[in-house]
Amino acid sequence: MSQGGLAERSRLLQGFLWVARFEGLSLLVMFLVAMPLKYLFGHPEAVLAVGWIHGLLFIAYVVALGLVAREQGWSMARIAAGFVASLLPAGTFVFERRIEG
């Protein structure tokens, strides 16, 4: 995206980017904090709490992805890349850079 600056972006795209950041952060917390707490230190409640938060953010991400894709006229390839990005650690951060480029 070559428009530059959040002020020039649609509100829907701005919202999507924020949801993407939080979803990506929640996945990293799941992998780097909650899962080690569960499997190395015997605290399964860590995954339960973070898992719920991540699950809600994942759903919000997928809905926002669909809405912004429709608004922006994204191709199926870009939509698929956005979905796959949500499944990979730090993927949403990489996807954000790709749509800004």
PDB file of N, CA and C in Angstrom:
ATOM      1  N   MET A   1       0.847  -1.179   0.000  1.00  0.00           N
ATOM      2  CA  MET A   1       0.000   0.000   0.000  1.00  0.00           C
ATOM      3  C   MET A   1       0.884   1.230   0.000  1.00  0.00           C
ATOM      4  N   SER A   2       0.726   2.072  -0.940  1.00  0.00           N
ATOM      5  CA  SER A   2       1.621   3.201  -1.102  1.00  0.00           C
ATOM      6  C   SER A   2       1.008   4.522  -0.649  1.00  0.00           C
ATOM      7  N   GLN A   3      -0.141   4.509  -0.006  1.00  0.00           N
ATOM      8  CA  GLN A   3      -0.785   5.751   0.405  1.00  0.00           C
ATOM      9  C   GLN A   3      -0.010   6.441   1.522  1.00  0.00           C
ATOM     10  N   GLY A   4       0.612   5.652   2.401  1.00  0.00           N
ATOM     11  CA  GLY A   4       1.444   6.200   3.460  1.00  0.00           C
ATOM     12  C   GLY A   4       0.657   6.878   4.557  1.00  0.00           C
ATOM     13  N   GLY A   5       1.014   6.575   5.799  1.00  0.00           N
ATOM     14  CA  GLY A   5       0.413   7.224   6.940  1.00  0.00           C
ATOM     15  C   GLY A   5      -0.970   6.706   7.281  1.00  0.00           C
ATOM     16  N   LEU A   6      -1.214   6.500   8.570  1.00  0.00           N
ATOM     17  CA  LEU A   6      -2.507   6.000   9.019  1.00  0.00           C
ATOM     18  C   LEU A   6      -3.639   6.975   8.711  1.00  0.00           C
ATOM     19  N   ALA A   7      -3.349   8.261   8.629  1.00  0.00           N
ATOM     20  CA  ALA A   7      -4.397   9.248   8.395  1.00  0.00           C
ATOM     21  C   ALA A   7      -5.056   9.054   7.034  1.00  0.00           C
ATOM     22  N   GLU A   8      -4.320   8.530   6.066  1.00  0.00           N
ATOM     23  CA  GLU A   8      -4.855   8.361   4.726  1.00  0.00           C
ATOM     24  C   GLU A   8      -5.557   7.020   4.534  1.00  0.00           C
ATOM     25  N   ARG A   9      -5.462   6.132   5.479  1.00  0.00           N
ATOM     26  CA  ARG A   9      -6.064   4.805   5.371  1.00  0.00           C
ATOM     27  C   ARG A   9      -7.507   4.843   5.841  1.00  0.00           C
ATOM     28  N   SER A  10      -8.277   3.897   5.340  1.00  0.00           N
ATOM     29  CA  SER A  10      -9.660   3.796   5.790  1.00  0.00           C
ATOM     30  C   SER A  10      -9.691   3.370   7.258  1.00  0.00           C
ATOM     31  N   ARG A  11     -10.772   3.701   7.901  1.00  0.00           N
ATOM     32  CA  ARG A  11     -10.932   3.284   9.307  1.00  0.00           C
ATOM     33  C   ARG A  11     -10.964   1.768   9.421  1.00  0.00           C
ATOM     34  N   LEU A  12     -11.559   1.116   8.448  1.00  0.00           N
ATOM     35  CA  LEU A  12     -11.625  -0.341   8.462  1.00  0.00           C
ATOM     36  C   LEU A  12     -10.235  -0.945   8.373  1.00  0.00           C
ATOM     37  N   LEU A  13      -9.390  -0.405   7.510  1.00  0.00           N
ATOM     38  CA  LEU A  13      -8.017  -0.903   7.387  1.00  0.00           C
ATOM     39  C   LEU A  13      -7.231  -0.615   8.653  1.00  0.00           C
ATOM     40  N   GLN A  14      -7.400   0.551   9.231  1.00  0.00           N
ATOM     41  CA  GLN A  14      -6.725   0.875  10.491  1.00  0.00           C
ATOM     42  C   GLN A  14      -7.128  -0.112  11.581  1.00  0.00           C
ATOM     43  N   GLY A  15      -8.431  -0.375  11.677  1.00  0.00           N
ATOM     44  CA  GLY A  15      -8.912  -1.327  12.673  1.00  0.00           C
ATOM     45  C   GLY A  15      -8.361  -2.714  12.437  1.00  0.00           C
ATOM     46  N   PHE A  16      -8.330  -3.134  11.176  1.00  0.00           N
ATOM     47  CA  PHE A  16      -7.765  -4.445  10.851  1.00  0.00           C
ATOM     48  C   PHE A  16      -6.312  -4.540  11.294  1.00  0.00           C
ATOM     49  N   LEU A  17      -5.534  -3.500  11.030  1.00  0.00           N
ATOM     50  CA  LEU A  17      -4.115  -3.530  11.402  1.00  0.00           C
ATOM     51  C   LEU A  17      -3.939  -3.651  12.911  1.00  0.00           C
ATOM     52  N   TRP A  18      -4.791  -2.978  13.679  1.00  0.00           N
ATOM     53  CA  TRP A  18      -4.698  -3.097  15.137  1.00  0.00           C
ATOM     54  C   TRP A  18      -5.102  -4.490  15.611  1.00  0.00           C
ATOM     55  N   VAL A  19      -6.167  -5.027  15.043  1.00  0.00           N
ATOM     56  CA  VAL A  19      -6.570  -6.391  15.397  1.00  0.00           C
ATOM     57  C   VAL A  19      -5.451  -7.368  15.033  1.00  0.00           C
ATOM     58  N   ALA A  20      -4.840  -7.177  13.864  1.00  0.00           N
ATOM     59  CA  ALA A  20      -3.750  -8.051  13.417  1.00  0.00           C
ATOM     60  C   ALA A  20      -2.575  -8.002  14.389  1.00  0.00           C
ATOM     61  N   ARG A  21      -2.248  -6.830  14.871  1.00  0.00           N
ATOM     62  CA  ARG A  21      -1.135  -6.694  15.828  1.00  0.00           C
ATOM     63  C   ARG A  21      -1.441  -7.429  17.127  1.00  0.00           C
ATOM     64  N   PHE A  22      -2.646  -7.255  17.644  1.00  0.00           N
ATOM     65  CA  PHE A  22      -3.005  -7.925  18.892  1.00  0.00           C
ATOM     66  C   PHE A  22      -3.116  -9.435  18.703  1.00  0.00           C
ATOM     67  N   GLU A  23      -3.650  -9.863  17.561  1.00  0.00           N
ATOM     68  CA  GLU A  23      -3.749 -11.300  17.286  1.00  0.00           C
ATOM     69  C   GLU A  23      -2.348 -11.905  17.187  1.00  0.00           C
ATOM     70  N   GLY A  24      -1.456 -11.230  16.486  1.00  0.00           N
ATOM     71  CA  GLY A  24      -0.083 -11.718  16.373  1.00  0.00           C
ATOM     72  C   GLY A  24       0.617 -11.771  17.718  1.00  0.00           C
ATOM     73  N   LEU A  25       0.411 -10.752  18.523  1.00  0.00           N
ATOM     74  CA  LEU A  25       1.004 -10.720  19.853  1.00  0.00           C
ATOM     75  C   LEU A  25       0.446 -11.849  20.719  1.00  0.00           C
ATOM     76  N   SER A  26      -0.845 -12.100  20.634  1.00  0.00           N
ATOM     77  CA  SER A  26      -1.440 -13.163  21.443  1.00  0.00           C
ATOM     78  C   SER A  26      -0.901 -14.540  21.047  1.00  0.00           C
ATOM     79  N   LEU A  27      -0.640 -14.739  19.750  1.00  0.00           N
ATOM     80  CA  LEU A  27      -0.065 -16.015  19.308  1.00  0.00           C
ATOM     81  C   LEU A  27       1.354 -16.173  19.841  1.00  0.00           C
ATOM     82  N   LEU A  28       2.126 -15.095  19.810  1.00  0.00           N
ATOM     83  CA  LEU A  28       3.489 -15.158  20.364  1.00  0.00           C
ATOM     84  C   LEU A  28       3.463 -15.422  21.865  1.00  0.00           C
ATOM     85  N   VAL A  29       2.544 -14.790  22.584  1.00  0.00           N
ATOM     86  CA  VAL A  29       2.425 -15.039  24.027  1.00  0.00           C
ATOM     87  C   VAL A  29       2.043 -16.498  24.273  1.00  0.00           C
ATOM     88  N   MET A  30       1.162 -17.022  23.425  1.00  0.00           N
ATOM     89  CA  MET A  30       0.757 -18.426  23.557  1.00  0.00           C
ATOM     90  C   MET A  30       1.972 -19.346  23.413  1.00  0.00           C
ATOM     91  N   PHE A  31       2.742 -19.134  22.346  1.00  0.00           N
ATOM     92  CA  PHE A  31       3.882 -20.007  22.080  1.00  0.00           C
ATOM     93  C   PHE A  31       5.060 -19.782  23.026  1.00  0.00           C
ATOM     94  N   LEU A  32       5.341 -18.528  23.369  1.00  0.00           N
ATOM     95  CA  LEU A  32       6.554 -18.215  24.125  1.00  0.00           C
ATOM     96  C   LEU A  32       6.363 -18.142  25.630  1.00  0.00           C
ATOM     97  N   VAL A  33       5.123 -17.982  26.085  1.00  0.00           N
ATOM     98  CA  VAL A  33       4.884 -17.865  27.526  1.00  0.00           C
ATOM     99  C   VAL A  33       3.960 -18.970  28.027  1.00  0.00           C
ATOM    100  N   ALA A  34       2.751 -19.021  27.483  1.00  0.00           N
ATOM    101  CA  ALA A  34       1.735 -19.929  28.026  1.00  0.00           C
ATOM    102  C   ALA A  34       2.096 -21.399  27.837  1.00  0.00           C
ATOM    103  N   MET A  35       2.540 -21.776  26.639  1.00  0.00           N
ATOM    104  CA  MET A  35       2.864 -23.189  26.414  1.00  0.00           C
ATOM    105  C   MET A  35       4.063 -23.653  27.245  1.00  0.00           C
ATOM    106  N   PRO A  36       5.132 -22.858  27.358  1.00  0.00           N
ATOM    107  CA  PRO A  36       6.206 -23.279  28.282  1.00  0.00           C
ATOM    108  C   PRO A  36       5.727 -23.386  29.734  1.00  0.00           C
ATOM    109  N   LEU A  37       4.843 -22.457  30.143  1.00  0.00           N
ATOM    110  CA  LEU A  37       4.308 -22.560  31.505  1.00  0.00           C
ATOM    111  C   LEU A  37       3.541 -23.860  31.693  1.00  0.00           C
ATOM    112  N   LYS A  38       2.805 -24.263  30.679  1.00  0.00           N
ATOM    113  CA  LYS A  38       2.025 -25.497  30.771  1.00  0.00           C
ATOM    114  C   LYS A  38       2.929 -26.727  30.760  1.00  0.00           C
ATOM    115  N   TYR A  39       3.778 -26.825  29.749  1.00  0.00           N
ATOM    116  CA  TYR A  39       4.525 -28.070  29.547  1.00  0.00           C
ATOM    117  C   TYR A  39       5.810 -28.170  30.356  1.00  0.00           C
ATOM    118  N   LEU A  40       6.419 -27.064  30.697  1.00  0.00           N
ATOM    119  CA  LEU A  40       7.662 -27.121  31.472  1.00  0.00           C
ATOM    120  C   LEU A  40       7.448 -26.940  32.969  1.00  0.00           C
ATOM    121  N   PHE A  41       6.396 -26.190  33.319  1.00  0.00           N
ATOM    122  CA  PHE A  41       6.207 -25.856  34.729  1.00  0.00           C
ATOM    123  C   PHE A  41       4.878 -26.327  35.304  1.00  0.00           C
ATOM    124  N   GLY A  42       4.088 -27.043  34.507  1.00  0.00           N
ATOM    125  CA  GLY A  42       2.859 -27.646  35.009  1.00  0.00           C
ATOM    126  C   GLY A  42       1.737 -26.680  35.340  1.00  0.00           C
ATOM    127  N   HIS A  43       1.588 -25.625  34.563  1.00  0.00           N
ATOM    128  CA  HIS A  43       0.516 -24.657  34.787  1.00  0.00           C
ATOM    129  C   HIS A  43      -0.417 -24.605  33.585  1.00  0.00           C
ATOM    130  N   PRO A  44      -1.318 -25.591  33.456  1.00  0.00           N
ATOM    131  CA  PRO A  44      -2.206 -25.620  32.281  1.00  0.00           C
ATOM    132  C   PRO A  44      -3.168 -24.440  32.210  1.00  0.00           C
ATOM    133  N   GLU A  45      -3.410 -23.786  33.313  1.00  0.00           N
ATOM    134  CA  GLU A  45      -4.324 -22.645  33.313  1.00  0.00           C
ATOM    135  C   GLU A  45      -3.785 -21.483  32.473  1.00  0.00           C
ATOM    136  N   ALA A  46      -2.482 -21.424  32.286  1.00  0.00           N
ATOM    137  CA  ALA A  46      -1.894 -20.360  31.463  1.00  0.00           C
ATOM    138  C   ALA A  46      -2.381 -20.466  30.022  1.00  0.00           C
ATOM    139  N   VAL A  47      -2.397 -21.695  29.497  1.00  0.00           N
ATOM    140  CA  VAL A  47      -2.855 -21.899  28.121  1.00  0.00           C
ATOM    141  C   VAL A  47      -4.360 -21.652  28.025  1.00  0.00           C
ATOM    142  N   LEU A  48      -5.092 -22.019  29.042  1.00  0.00           N
ATOM    143  CA  LEU A  48      -6.532 -21.806  29.026  1.00  0.00           C
ATOM    144  C   LEU A  48      -6.864 -20.322  28.920  1.00  0.00           C
ATOM    145  N   ALA A  49      -6.235 -19.512  29.758  1.00  0.00           N
ATOM    146  CA  ALA A  49      -6.511 -18.072  29.756  1.00  0.00           C
ATOM    147  C   ALA A  49      -6.058 -17.418  28.458  1.00  0.00           C
ATOM    148  N   VAL A  50      -4.827 -17.653  28.079  1.00  0.00           N
ATOM    149  CA  VAL A  50      -4.291 -17.037  26.860  1.00  0.00           C
ATOM    150  C   VAL A  50      -4.997 -17.604  25.629  1.00  0.00           C
ATOM    151  N   GLY A  51      -5.354 -18.875  25.684  1.00  0.00           N
ATOM    152  CA  GLY A  51      -6.039 -19.513  24.558  1.00  0.00           C
ATOM    153  C   GLY A  51      -7.379 -18.864  24.251  1.00  0.00           C
ATOM    154  N   TRP A  52      -8.133 -18.538  25.292  1.00  0.00           N
ATOM    155  CA  TRP A  52      -9.423 -17.871  25.086  1.00  0.00           C
ATOM    156  C   TRP A  52      -9.222 -16.502  24.436  1.00  0.00           C
ATOM    157  N   ILE A  53      -8.276 -15.753  24.968  1.00  0.00           N
ATOM    158  CA  ILE A  53      -8.008 -14.420  24.422  1.00  0.00           C
ATOM    159  C   ILE A  53      -7.561 -14.533  22.966  1.00  0.00           C
ATOM    160  N   HIS A  54      -6.643 -15.446  22.714  1.00  0.00           N
ATOM    161  CA  HIS A  54      -6.154 -15.633  21.347  1.00  0.00           C
ATOM    162  C   HIS A  54      -7.287 -16.094  20.419  1.00  0.00           C
ATOM    163  N   GLY A  55      -8.123 -16.973  20.891  1.00  0.00           N
ATOM    164  CA  GLY A  55      -9.236 -17.450  20.076  1.00  0.00           C
ATOM    165  C   GLY A  55     -10.177 -16.334  19.669  1.00  0.00           C
ATOM    166  N   LEU A  56     -10.510 -15.469  20.598  1.00  0.00           N
ATOM    167  CA  LEU A  56     -11.378 -14.330  20.291  1.00  0.00           C
ATOM    168  C   LEU A  56     -10.706 -13.368  19.315  1.00  0.00           C
ATOM    169  N   LEU A  57      -9.410 -13.132  19.529  1.00  0.00           N
ATOM    170  CA  LEU A  57      -8.685 -12.246  18.612  1.00  0.00           C
ATOM    171  C   LEU A  57      -8.548 -12.868  17.226  1.00  0.00           C
ATOM    172  N   PHE A  58      -8.392 -14.190  17.161  1.00  0.00           N
ATOM    173  CA  PHE A  58      -8.304 -14.874  15.868  1.00  0.00           C
ATOM    174  C   PHE A  58      -9.612 -14.702  15.102  1.00  0.00           C
ATOM    175  N   ILE A  59     -10.733 -14.887  15.779  1.00  0.00           N
ATOM    176  CA  ILE A  59     -12.035 -14.712  15.129  1.00  0.00           C
ATOM    177  C   ILE A  59     -12.199 -13.262  14.654  1.00  0.00           C
ATOM    178  N   ALA A  60     -11.833 -12.315  15.506  1.00  0.00           N
ATOM    179  CA  ALA A  60     -11.921 -10.903  15.118  1.00  0.00           C
ATOM    180  C   ALA A  60     -11.024 -10.622  13.910  1.00  0.00           C
ATOM    181  N   TYR A  61      -9.841 -11.235  13.876  1.00  0.00           N
ATOM    182  CA  TYR A  61      -8.911 -11.048  12.765  1.00  0.00           C
ATOM    183  C   TYR A  61      -9.512 -11.563  11.458  1.00  0.00           C
ATOM    184  N   VAL A  62     -10.082 -12.760  11.489  1.00  0.00           N
ATOM    185  CA  VAL A  62     -10.641 -13.347  10.272  1.00  0.00           C
ATOM    186  C   VAL A  62     -11.817 -12.509   9.765  1.00  0.00           C
ATOM    187  N   VAL A  63     -12.676 -12.057  10.671  1.00  0.00           N
ATOM    188  CA  VAL A  63     -13.806 -11.203  10.271  1.00  0.00           C
ATOM    189  C   VAL A  63     -13.279  -9.888   9.689  1.00  0.00           C
ATOM    190  N   ALA A  64     -12.331  -9.264  10.375  1.00  0.00           N
ATOM    191  CA  ALA A  64     -11.778  -7.996   9.894  1.00  0.00           C
ATOM    192  C   ALA A  64     -11.056  -8.182   8.562  1.00  0.00           C
ATOM    193  N   LEU A  65     -10.365  -9.306   8.398  1.00  0.00           N
ATOM    194  CA  LEU A  65      -9.699  -9.607   7.131  1.00  0.00           C
ATOM    195  C   LEU A  65     -10.717  -9.643   5.992  1.00  0.00           C
ATOM    196  N   GLY A  66     -11.831 -10.322   6.213  1.00  0.00           N
ATOM    197  CA  GLY A  66     -12.863 -10.390   5.187  1.00  0.00           C
ATOM    198  C   GLY A  66     -13.451  -9.029   4.855  1.00  0.00           C
ATOM    199  N   LEU A  67     -13.708  -8.228   5.872  1.00  0.00           N
ATOM    200  CA  LEU A  67     -14.298  -6.907   5.657  1.00  0.00           C
ATOM    201  C   LEU A  67     -13.348  -5.974   4.914  1.00  0.00           C
ATOM    202  N   VAL A  68     -12.097  -5.935   5.353  1.00  0.00           N
ATOM    203  CA  VAL A  68     -11.140  -5.031   4.711  1.00  0.00           C
ATOM    204  C   VAL A  68     -10.787  -5.527   3.310  1.00  0.00           C
ATOM    205  N   ALA A  69     -10.763  -6.834   3.113  1.00  0.00           N
ATOM    206  CA  ALA A  69     -10.480  -7.385   1.780  1.00  0.00           C
ATOM    207  C   ALA A  69     -11.566  -6.969   0.794  1.00  0.00           C
ATOM    208  N   ARG A  70     -12.813  -7.008   1.251  1.00  0.00           N
ATOM    209  CA  ARG A  70     -13.921  -6.590   0.385  1.00  0.00           C
ATOM    210  C   ARG A  70     -13.826  -5.090   0.081  1.00  0.00           C
ATOM    211  N   GLU A  71     -13.559  -4.301   1.119  1.00  0.00           N
ATOM    212  CA  GLU A  71     -13.464  -2.854   0.940  1.00  0.00           C
ATOM    213  C   GLU A  71     -12.313  -2.469   0.003  1.00  0.00           C
ATOM    214  N   GLN A  72     -11.178  -3.127   0.174  1.00  0.00           N
ATOM    215  CA  GLN A  72      -9.979  -2.778  -0.584  1.00  0.00           C
ATOM    216  C   GLN A  72      -9.881  -3.500  -1.927  1.00  0.00           C
ATOM    217  N   GLY A  73     -10.762  -4.464  -2.173  1.00  0.00           N
ATOM    218  CA  GLY A  73     -10.736  -5.207  -3.426  1.00  0.00           C
ATOM    219  C   GLY A  73      -9.542  -6.139  -3.548  1.00  0.00           C
ATOM    220  N   TRP A  74      -9.162  -6.775  -2.422  1.00  0.00           N
ATOM    221  CA  TRP A  74      -8.003  -7.660  -2.425  1.00  0.00           C
ATOM    222  C   TRP A  74      -8.284  -8.927  -3.218  1.00  0.00           C
ATOM    223  N   SER A  75      -7.230  -9.472  -3.799  1.00  0.00           N
ATOM    224  CA  SER A  75      -7.325 -10.728  -4.541  1.00  0.00           C
ATOM    225  C   SER A  75      -7.451 -11.898  -3.558  1.00  0.00           C
ATOM    226  N   MET A  76      -7.888 -13.034  -4.076  1.00  0.00           N
ATOM    227  CA  MET A  76      -7.973 -14.242  -3.236  1.00  0.00           C
ATOM    228  C   MET A  76      -6.597 -14.633  -2.716  1.00  0.00           C
ATOM    229  N   ALA A  77      -5.566 -14.407  -3.507  1.00  0.00           N
ATOM    230  CA  ALA A  77      -4.201 -14.730  -3.070  1.00  0.00           C
ATOM    231  C   ALA A  77      -3.799 -13.891  -1.857  1.00  0.00           C
ATOM    232  N   ARG A  78      -4.136 -12.611  -1.874  1.00  0.00           N
ATOM    233  CA  ARG A  78      -3.802 -11.744  -0.740  1.00  0.00           C
ATOM    234  C   ARG A  78      -4.624 -12.130   0.489  1.00  0.00           C
ATOM    235  N   ILE A  79      -5.883 -12.471   0.286  1.00  0.00           N
ATOM    236  CA  ILE A  79      -6.730 -12.903   1.402  1.00  0.00           C
ATOM    237  C   ILE A  79      -6.174 -14.198   1.999  1.00  0.00           C
ATOM    238  N   ALA A  80      -5.801 -15.139   1.137  1.00  0.00           N
ATOM    239  CA  ALA A  80      -5.223 -16.406   1.611  1.00  0.00           C
ATOM    240  C   ALA A  80      -3.926 -16.153   2.372  1.00  0.00           C
ATOM    241  N   ALA A  81      -3.099 -15.246   1.865  1.00  0.00           N
ATOM    242  CA  ALA A  81      -1.848 -14.911   2.556  1.00  0.00           C
ATOM    243  C   ALA A  81      -2.134 -14.323   3.932  1.00  0.00           C
ATOM    244  N   GLY A  82      -3.163 -13.481   4.023  1.00  0.00           N
ATOM    245  CA  GLY A  82      -3.548 -12.909   5.311  1.00  0.00           C
ATOM    246  C   GLY A  82      -4.019 -13.968   6.286  1.00  0.00           C
ATOM    247  N   PHE A  83      -4.770 -14.951   5.768  1.00  0.00           N
ATOM    248  CA  PHE A  83      -5.239 -16.024   6.644  1.00  0.00           C
ATOM    249  C   PHE A  83      -4.072 -16.887   7.116  1.00  0.00           C
ATOM    250  N   VAL A  84      -3.204 -17.284   6.207  1.00  0.00           N
ATOM    251  CA  VAL A  84      -2.040 -18.104   6.579  1.00  0.00           C
ATOM    252  C   VAL A  84      -1.155 -17.347   7.568  1.00  0.00           C
ATOM    253  N   ALA A  85      -1.036 -16.042   7.386  1.00  0.00           N
ATOM    254  CA  ALA A  85      -0.223 -15.231   8.301  1.00  0.00           C
ATOM    255  C   ALA A  85      -0.716 -15.343   9.734  1.00  0.00           C
ATOM    256  N   SER A  86      -2.020 -15.491   9.909  1.00  0.00           N
ATOM    257  CA  SER A  86      -2.577 -15.576  11.267  1.00  0.00           C
ATOM    258  C   SER A  86      -2.224 -16.892  11.949  1.00  0.00           C
ATOM    259  N   LEU A  87      -1.767 -17.862  11.195  1.00  0.00           N
ATOM    260  CA  LEU A  87      -1.432 -19.173  11.754  1.00  0.00           C
ATOM    261  C   LEU A  87       0.045 -19.308  12.111  1.00  0.00           C
ATOM    262  N   LEU A  88       0.854 -18.355  11.700  1.00  0.00           N
ATOM    263  CA  LEU A  88       2.301 -18.426  11.902  1.00  0.00           C
ATOM    264  C   LEU A  88       2.754 -17.398  12.934  1.00  0.00           C
ATOM    265  N   PRO A  89       3.674 -17.793  13.811  1.00  0.00           N
ATOM    266  CA  PRO A  89       4.206 -16.809  14.759  1.00  0.00           C
ATOM    267  C   PRO A  89       4.802 -15.622  14.000  1.00  0.00           C
ATOM    268  N   ALA A  90       4.412 -14.441  14.357  1.00  0.00           N
ATOM    269  CA  ALA A  90       4.847 -13.179  13.746  1.00  0.00           C
ATOM    270  C   ALA A  90       4.328 -13.009  12.314  1.00  0.00           C
ATOM    271  N   GLY A  91       3.486 -13.902  11.854  1.00  0.00           N
ATOM    272  CA  GLY A  91       2.970 -13.825  10.492  1.00  0.00           C
ATOM    273  C   GLY A  91       2.145 -12.585  10.229  1.00  0.00           C
ATOM    274  N   THR A  92       1.355 -12.157  11.203  1.00  0.00           N
ATOM    275  CA  THR A  92       0.524 -10.973  10.986  1.00  0.00           C
ATOM    276  C   THR A  92       1.378  -9.715  10.862  1.00  0.00           C
ATOM    277  N   PHE A  93       2.532  -9.708  11.526  1.00  0.00           N
ATOM    278  CA  PHE A  93       3.424  -8.552  11.427  1.00  0.00           C
ATOM    279  C   PHE A  93       4.058  -8.495  10.044  1.00  0.00           C
ATOM    280  N   VAL A  94       4.424  -9.653   9.508  1.00  0.00           N
ATOM    281  CA  VAL A  94       4.974  -9.718   8.153  1.00  0.00           C
ATOM    282  C   VAL A  94       3.904  -9.339   7.132  1.00  0.00           C
ATOM    283  N   PHE A  95       2.688  -9.820   7.333  1.00  0.00           N
ATOM    284  CA  PHE A  95       1.588  -9.504   6.412  1.00  0.00           C
ATOM    285  C   PHE A  95       1.323  -8.004   6.395  1.00  0.00           C
ATOM    286  N   GLU A  96       1.359  -7.383   7.566  1.00  0.00           N
ATOM    287  CA  GLU A  96       1.147  -5.934   7.633  1.00  0.00           C
ATOM    288  C   GLU A  96       2.180  -5.208   6.773  1.00  0.00           C
ATOM    289  N   ARG A  97       3.423  -5.622   6.858  1.00  0.00           N
ATOM    290  CA  ARG A  97       4.472  -4.984   6.046  1.00  0.00           C
ATOM    291  C   ARG A  97       4.235  -5.196   4.561  1.00  0.00           C
ATOM    292  N   ARG A  98       3.730  -6.370   4.195  1.00  0.00           N
ATOM    293  CA  ARG A  98       3.467  -6.657   2.780  1.00  0.00           C
ATOM    294  C   ARG A  98       2.336  -5.796   2.227  1.00  0.00           C
ATOM    295  N   ILE A  99       1.305  -5.553   3.013  1.00  0.00           N
ATOM    296  CA  ILE A  99       0.204  -4.735   2.494  1.00  0.00           C
ATOM    297  C   ILE A  99       0.544  -3.260   2.496  1.00  0.00           C
ATOM    298  N   GLU A 100       1.522  -2.871   3.299  1.00  0.00           N
ATOM    299  CA  GLU A 100       1.958  -1.481   3.297  1.00  0.00           C
ATOM    300  C   GLU A 100       2.894  -1.201   2.131  1.00  0.00           C
ATOM    301  N   GLY A 101       3.619  -2.235   1.671  1.00  0.00           N
ATOM    302  CA  GLY A 101       4.636  -2.076   0.638  1.00  0.00           C
ATOM    303  C   GLY A 101       4.046  -1.804  -0.657  1.00  0.00           C
TER     304      GLY A 101
END
